Amino acid sequence: MSQAVDFAPHASAPVLAAYGYCEAVTGQQARNFAYGIRLLPTPKRRAMSALYAFSRRVDDIGDGPLDDGVKAARLEDTRALLTRVREGKVEEDDTDPVAVALAHAARVFPIPLGGLDELIDGVLMDVRGETYETWDDLKAYCRCVAGAIGRLSLGVFGTEPGARGAERAPEYADTLGLALQLTNILRDVREDAEGGRTYLPSDDLAKFGCSAGFDGPTPPEGSDFAGLVHFEVRRARTLFAEGYRLLPLLDRRSGACVAAMAGIYRRLLDRIERDPEAVLRGRVSLPGREKAYVAVRGLSGLDARHVSRLTVRRPL
């Protein structure tokens, strides 16, 4: 993994304005994500905001009210814009601020832009209404919509020079993305069901008597909904444990960013585990003060040091 650039290159007024737009989008809509990236130095924070704003555009198309055919066409238009970014054909005075910011970020950092193609592929899976029979099936989807974001972010973060096991950093970033996405799926199970989407593997739903779905504030009659949630929580915790091995490979502030974002989701997972049916009654979330505490903990490096001690006992 190449070491990311960590200085602020000259940026023109149009580029700075484009970054400002992306940071405004991130601040207004990112919730958990914003708590992490505010810990980054300015160049990295701006680049992450550009990645978020582009990703948000893709997600909004998939989640919007348009007909599926129109959504698919707009997603392909967005892919064409990404191709222009990749080929260096977006000028600084382009009228699309997200494209301008992303193009600049991709010149400054070794961002693997193919990850955004994967994100578009994943959202197209949503548009087609795909369901997932096994965990391996769902994992392929999660790699598109979340693992790819982990790998894209790593392009901005870079790894510490000489970090032992740095060649596995993309694998860990991908796995951490899967952990976050599975937590999202558990948190949003009722909301997704109301939107006609089912993400949890049908094999798992059948195993715990939940194949009828989740169309109300209580579990399906006769089901072991708590058993299903606890089963998926254990899977997510395994993914977190592996993904957290990324932390010692990053510089302090990049590690703090990752630890803050992942820490918020791990605490959401704790809440879901304690009260599984809460996800059927409403959206499980953390208060702002708790998110701030997690961010401070990340900046202190506690999580990275803990993982470092574990990897000494269990070599990479």
Foldseek 3Di string as FASTA:
>chain_A
DDAADQDDDDDDPLLVVLLVVLVVCCVVPVVLLVLQLVLHPDLLSSLLSLVVVLLVVLVCLLPDDDQLVVSLVVLVVSVVLLVCLVVVNDDSPDPNSSSNNNSVSVVRWVFPSVLVVLLSVLSNCSSVQDEAADPVRLLSSLLNNFLSSLRRSCRSFPFDPPDPPSVCLSVLSSLLRSLLVLLVCLLQQQVQVVVVHDYPHCNLCVVFVQNVGQPALDGPPPGPQLVSLVVSLVVSVVSNLSSLLNLLGTPLSNSLSSQLSSVQSNVSSVVCNVPVSVSSVDGRHDDPVVSNVSSVVSNVCPSVVVSVVVCVVVPD
